Amino acid sequence: MKISVIIPTLNEEKYIGKTIDSIKTQEMDCEIIVVDGGSTDNTIKICEEKEVKIIELKKRGIGLARNVGAQIARGEYLIFIDADTILKKDFWRIIKNELQENVVGSCYFGCYDTRFKFVYKIASNLMFLMNKINFTRLTGFCLFCSKKEFLKVGGFDEKLALCEDHDLGKRLKENGNLIKIIRKELVKTSSRRGFLRMFLFYSYSELMNLFGKKVTKINYRPIR
């Protein structure tokens, strides 16, 4: 089973080395594709040292970066993670059993900052419950699906500023895919934009989604 792990980056020198190392410790046959949106720090240098595939773009955008990575991926299955996301030791042992052509999924997640541990646990459970009541919710910092199904629905919507992962999951589900949430914390991520700010941004986006509207622009510092 060939896997492609796709990571969008933009000035990620603080995180990217540890993220790549956490992938390489997994016992999976994978290629690592870093899609960079114009980093001006040591991100590219670190990735070169780690000997991963690097695609440099002139245009920024999380959906764009992930789509470009998927287009060149050689893997039968795609795993999208963020540059500040660490895979835990048992990640591949558990997730490999869920990789099927018509399955798209995410897993429970934790945070570097232990002050927010309980909040992230609640968020993971809410994601699971929302899917149970037919509100498709996935996490872009750890999302897996088959390349065939991903391309079939056109990948991520590059116009979206937030919740592009939910949107992808919804379209995949409408196309006959099963949503799978692994109820085990398999990754840790950061709160680099600030916990309160992101809580407000995503609350706003969720509210817009309830009214059938999509968020295509939001005022925060680009990090990918």
Foldseek 3Di string as FASTA:
>chain_A
DEEEEEEEFAQLPVFQLQQLVLVVLAPDHYAYEYEYQDHPDCPVVSCVVSPGHYHYDPHDFPQVRVVVSLVPGPGQKYWYAYSQKHFDHCNCVPCVVVADQQEKEAEQAAAPDPVCRVVSLVVLVVQVVCVVVPQQDHDRNTMMHGSVLCVVQPHFDRQAPPPSVSVSRVSSVVVPGHYDYHHDHGMYGYCVQHDVVVVVVVVVQVVCVVVVHGHRDDDDDDGD
